[in-house]
Amino acid sequence: MKRPAFTLIEIVAVLGILVTVSLGGLWLSRRAQQQLTEDRFFDAFSAHWQNTLVQAQGQGGGVQFVDHQAIFFVGQPKQSVSLAIPSQFNRVDTTVTIGKDSFTQPTTVTLMRPGGKTVRMTFQMGWGALDIQR
């Protein structure tokens, strides 16, 4: 008497589907984690930039991008706060300065991901307006 059972082909097919779904979920969770890290960085960057603009009135200041760090500074004896740039971005070396009159030197900083996609942070002259284009 024959008993109903799964064939080897059916078991291999189910295992193949499970592996594919698992790998897809792992890839999506990594991408979601990277997106969350980027969102937190740009939110913190915007907050630090606004704070630096307020503190730099009459003293000058700016932000310097060095070694995967964004270093916000104010005044001559540079009081600084640093913010780590997420590791998925390539290294950028640039300085954006704020004059004593609170006007910024117009600058565009481009952060590039390994896949070739870029994020542009444009610092505009009038009162240090910051535009982040993802």
Protein backbone atom coordinates (compact mmCIF):
# COMPACT_ATOMS: atom_id res chain seq x y z
CA MET A 1 0.00 0.00 0.00
CA LYS A 2 1.40 3.39 -1.03
CA ARG A 3 1.37 6.30 1.39
CA PRO A 4 1.02 9.89 0.14
CA ALA A 5 4.29 11.80 0.58
CA PHE A 6 6.26 14.71 -0.78
CA THR A 7 8.69 14.01 -3.55
CA LEU A 8 12.27 15.17 -3.49
CA ILE A 9 11.52 17.71 -6.23
CA GLU A 10 8.73 19.28 -4.17
CA ILE A 11 10.95 19.56 -1.09
CA VAL A 12 13.80 21.14 -3.09
CA ALA A 13 11.34 23.61 -4.68
CA VAL A 14 9.97 24.66 -1.28
CA LEU A 15 13.49 25.05 0.14
CA GLY A 16 14.49 27.13 -2.90
CA ILE A 17 11.50 29.43 -2.39
CA LEU A 18 12.28 29.81 1.34
CA VAL A 19 15.92 30.68 0.64
CA THR A 20 14.93 33.23 -2.02
CA VAL A 21 12.39 34.90 0.27
CA SER A 22 14.88 34.94 3.17
CA LEU A 23 17.65 36.53 1.08
CA GLY A 24 15.21 39.11 -0.31
CA GLY A 25 14.07 39.99 3.22
CA LEU A 26 17.68 40.31 4.39
CA TRP A 27 18.51 42.63 1.49
CA LEU A 28 15.42 44.77 2.15
CA SER A 29 16.15 45.02 5.88
CA ARG A 30 19.71 46.18 5.17
CA ARG A 31 18.45 48.82 2.74
CA ALA A 32 15.84 49.98 5.27
CA GLN A 33 18.55 50.23 7.95
CA GLN A 34 20.76 52.30 5.63
CA GLN A 35 17.84 54.60 4.81
CA LEU A 36 17.09 55.06 8.52
CA THR A 37 20.76 55.87 9.19
CA GLU A 38 20.78 58.44 6.36
CA ASP A 39 17.53 60.04 7.58
CA ARG A 40 18.93 60.41 11.10
CA PHE A 41 22.17 61.87 9.75
CA PHE A 42 20.45 64.49 7.58
CA ASP A 43 18.05 65.44 10.39
CA ALA A 44 20.95 65.85 12.83
CA PHE A 45 22.99 67.70 10.18
CA SER A 46 20.17 70.19 9.57
CA ALA A 47 19.76 70.79 13.31
CA HIS A 48 23.51 71.31 13.83
CA TRP A 49 23.66 73.63 10.80
CA GLN A 50 20.83 75.80 12.15
CA ASN A 51 22.49 75.89 15.58
CA THR A 52 25.83 76.86 14.03
CA LEU A 53 24.18 79.66 12.03
CA VAL A 54 22.69 81.12 15.21
CA GLN A 55 25.94 80.87 17.20
CA ALA A 56 28.11 82.22 14.35
CA GLN A 57 26.43 85.63 14.22
CA GLY A 58 29.16 88.21 14.64
CA GLN A 59 31.90 85.55 14.97
CA GLY A 60 31.79 83.49 11.79
CA GLY A 61 31.98 79.72 11.59
CA GLY A 62 31.03 76.90 9.29
CA VAL A 63 31.17 73.19 8.71
CA GLN A 64 34.16 71.18 7.55
CA PHE A 65 33.87 67.73 5.99
CA VAL A 66 36.95 65.65 6.86
CA ASP A 67 37.52 61.89 7.32
CA HIS A 68 33.84 60.88 7.35
CA GLN A 69 33.11 63.63 9.87
CA ALA A 70 31.12 66.84 9.57
CA ILE A 71 32.77 69.26 12.02
CA PHE A 72 30.69 72.34 12.89
CA PHE A 73 32.76 75.24 14.24
CA VAL A 74 32.13 78.77 15.55
CA GLY A 75 34.53 81.67 16.08
CA GLN A 76 38.30 81.93 16.04
CA PRO A 77 39.24 79.56 18.83
CA LYS A 78 37.23 76.94 17.02
CA GLN A 79 34.60 75.49 19.30
CA SER A 80 33.52 72.43 17.39
CA VAL A 81 30.94 69.67 17.35
CA SER A 82 31.43 66.68 15.08
CA LEU A 83 28.88 64.44 13.43
CA ALA A 84 29.81 61.12 11.82
CA ILE A 85 28.92 60.78 8.13
CA PRO A 86 27.31 57.36 7.43
CA SER A 87 29.76 54.79 6.10
CA GLN A 88 27.77 54.19 2.90
CA PHE A 89 28.90 57.57 1.58
CA ASN A 90 32.30 58.08 -0.03
CA ARG A 91 34.71 60.48 1.62
CA VAL A 92 34.35 64.21 0.93
CA ASP A 93 36.79 66.99 1.88
CA THR A 94 35.13 70.41 1.76
CA THR A 95 34.62 73.43 4.02
CA VAL A 96 31.57 75.69 4.05
CA THR A 97 32.18 79.00 5.81
CA ILE A 98 29.81 81.43 7.47
CA GLY A 99 30.94 85.03 7.54
CA LYS A 100 30.57 87.37 10.52
CA ASP A 101 27.58 88.90 8.73
CA SER A 102 25.85 85.44 8.77
CA PHE A 103 26.10 85.02 5.01
CA THR A 104 27.43 81.73 3.73
CA GLN A 105 29.80 81.05 0.91
CA PRO A 106 27.58 79.33 -1.71
CA THR A 107 28.75 75.73 -1.89
CA THR A 108 27.43 72.37 -3.05
CA VAL A 109 28.66 69.26 -1.27
CA THR A 110 28.04 65.99 -3.08
CA LEU A 111 27.93 62.76 -1.09
CA MET A 112 28.15 59.66 -3.30
CA ARG A 113 26.92 56.20 -2.48
CA PRO A 114 28.83 53.14 -3.77
CA GLY A 115 26.08 52.46 -6.37
CA GLY A 116 26.69 55.85 -7.99
CA LYS A 117 23.63 57.64 -6.61
CA THR A 118 24.37 61.04 -5.09
CA VAL A 119 22.99 63.33 -2.42
CA ARG A 120 23.59 67.06 -2.94
CA MET A 121 23.67 69.46 -0.03
CA THR A 122 23.52 73.02 -1.33
CA PHE A 123 24.44 75.83 1.05
CA GLN A 124 23.02 79.06 -0.31
CA MET A 125 24.26 82.56 0.35
CA GLY A 126 21.19 84.15 1.96
CA TRP A 127 21.28 83.40 5.68
CA GLY A 128 22.79 79.97 5.15
CA ALA A 129 19.78 78.28 3.58
CA LEU A 130 20.42 74.53 3.25
CA ASP A 131 18.82 72.42 0.51
CA ILE A 132 19.31 68.63 0.61
CA GLN A 133 18.47 66.84 -2.64
CA ARG A 134 18.36 63.07 -2.43
